[in-house]
Every structure is written in C-alpha cells, then in structure tokens.
C-alpha cells in the first residue's frame, strides 16, 4: 500500500465483498434452514434450537467483524481525506 487512497479503496472493496458474503449467508440460513439443520444435526449431534442459536451468533459476530475491521477504518480514512 503506497498511499492512503489505495488503502481506502482496498478497505472499501473488502467491506463490499464481506457485506455481500454476509447477505448471501443470511439468505442461505433463512431459505435453506431445514437442509442445514438436518446436515448439522447429523454431523455434530446438536438439537435444532442450539443450531439456530449458533447460526444467528455466527452471523452477528461476522457482522461485528466487518464493521470493526473494514467499515470503520474505511469511514475514518474517508473523513481524513
């Protein structure tokens, strides 16, 4: 990274890609819930309530990571420019 503009653009693209992955994961978790629960209950031996909680916890932690590691630095660099 040779300049702040390059770093800003990099973080912007990282945020966009990660938000896209988050949207796809959230849609997949809601539309294919039954299939995902069947597969994961057989693999890990958890019940449906625990799996549903784990899916939402995963999505929440991923969203927080996107905000903290991509979006906030991107906004800070945009404000600095």
Protein backbone atom coordinates (compact mmCIF):
# COMPACT_ATOMS: atom_id res chain seq x y z
CA UNK A 1 0.00 0.00 0.00
CA UNK A 2 1.75 3.11 -1.18
CA UNK A 3 -0.84 5.74 -0.34
CA UNK A 4 -3.89 6.45 1.77
CA UNK A 5 -6.05 6.46 -1.35
CA UNK A 6 -5.00 2.89 -2.16
CA UNK A 7 -5.64 1.78 1.42
CA UNK A 8 -9.04 3.48 1.42
CA UNK A 9 -10.02 1.79 -1.83
CA UNK A 10 -8.77 -1.57 -0.52
CA UNK A 11 -10.82 -1.30 2.67
CA UNK A 12 -13.87 -0.20 0.67
CA UNK A 13 -13.67 -3.27 -1.55
CA UNK A 14 -13.06 -5.51 1.48
CA UNK A 15 -16.16 -4.11 3.15
CA UNK A 16 -18.27 -4.53 0.00
CA UNK A 17 -17.16 -8.13 -0.54
CA UNK A 18 -17.65 -9.06 3.12
CA UNK A 19 -21.10 -7.45 3.23
CA UNK A 20 -22.01 -9.44 0.11
CA UNK A 21 -20.88 -12.67 1.78
CA UNK A 22 -22.89 -11.73 4.88
CA UNK A 23 -26.03 -11.16 2.81
CA UNK A 24 -25.60 -14.48 0.97
CA UNK A 25 -25.01 -16.31 4.28
CA UNK A 26 -28.08 -14.72 5.89
CA UNK A 27 -30.30 -15.54 2.91
CA UNK A 28 -28.94 -19.08 2.80
CA UNK A 29 -29.53 -19.55 6.52
CA UNK A 30 -33.15 -18.47 6.16
CA UNK A 31 -34.06 -20.16 2.88
CA UNK A 32 -32.19 -23.43 3.38
CA UNK A 33 -32.68 -23.71 7.14
CA UNK A 34 -34.22 -27.17 7.07
CA UNK A 35 -31.48 -28.68 4.97
CA UNK A 36 -28.74 -27.00 7.01
CA UNK A 37 -30.27 -28.17 10.28
CA UNK A 38 -30.55 -31.76 9.02
CA UNK A 39 -26.93 -31.84 7.90
CA UNK A 40 -25.52 -30.20 11.02
CA UNK A 41 -27.59 -32.23 13.49
CA UNK A 42 -26.20 -35.40 11.93
CA UNK A 43 -22.63 -34.07 11.88
CA UNK A 44 -22.46 -32.50 15.33
CA UNK A 45 -25.29 -34.08 17.32
CA UNK A 46 -26.84 -30.77 18.37
CA UNK A 47 -30.55 -30.12 18.56
CA UNK A 48 -32.39 -27.66 16.32
CA UNK A 49 -32.68 -24.89 18.92
CA UNK A 50 -28.93 -24.90 19.57
CA UNK A 51 -28.15 -24.85 15.86
CA UNK A 52 -30.48 -21.94 15.18
CA UNK A 53 -28.83 -20.01 18.01
CA UNK A 54 -25.39 -20.84 16.60
CA UNK A 55 -26.38 -19.67 13.10
CA UNK A 56 -27.52 -16.30 14.41
CA UNK A 57 -24.48 -15.96 16.67
CA UNK A 58 -22.20 -16.65 13.68
CA UNK A 59 -23.96 -14.03 11.56
CA UNK A 60 -23.85 -11.47 14.39
CA UNK A 61 -20.13 -12.00 15.05
CA UNK A 62 -19.33 -11.83 11.34
CA UNK A 63 -21.26 -8.56 11.04
CA UNK A 64 -19.39 -7.06 14.01
CA UNK A 65 -16.06 -8.13 12.49
CA UNK A 66 -16.98 -6.45 9.18
CA UNK A 67 -17.87 -3.21 10.94
CA UNK A 68 -14.79 -3.15 13.17
CA UNK A 69 -12.18 -4.37 10.70
CA UNK A 70 -13.43 -2.95 7.38
CA UNK A 71 -16.16 -0.35 7.61
CA UNK A 72 -14.94 1.83 10.49
CA UNK A 73 -11.36 2.16 9.14
CA UNK A 74 -12.78 2.89 5.68
CA UNK A 75 -15.02 5.67 7.03
CA UNK A 76 -12.18 7.09 9.13
CA UNK A 77 -9.91 7.25 6.08
CA UNK A 78 -12.68 8.87 4.01
CA UNK A 79 -13.12 11.53 6.70
CA UNK A 80 -9.36 12.15 6.79
CA UNK A 81 -9.14 12.65 3.01
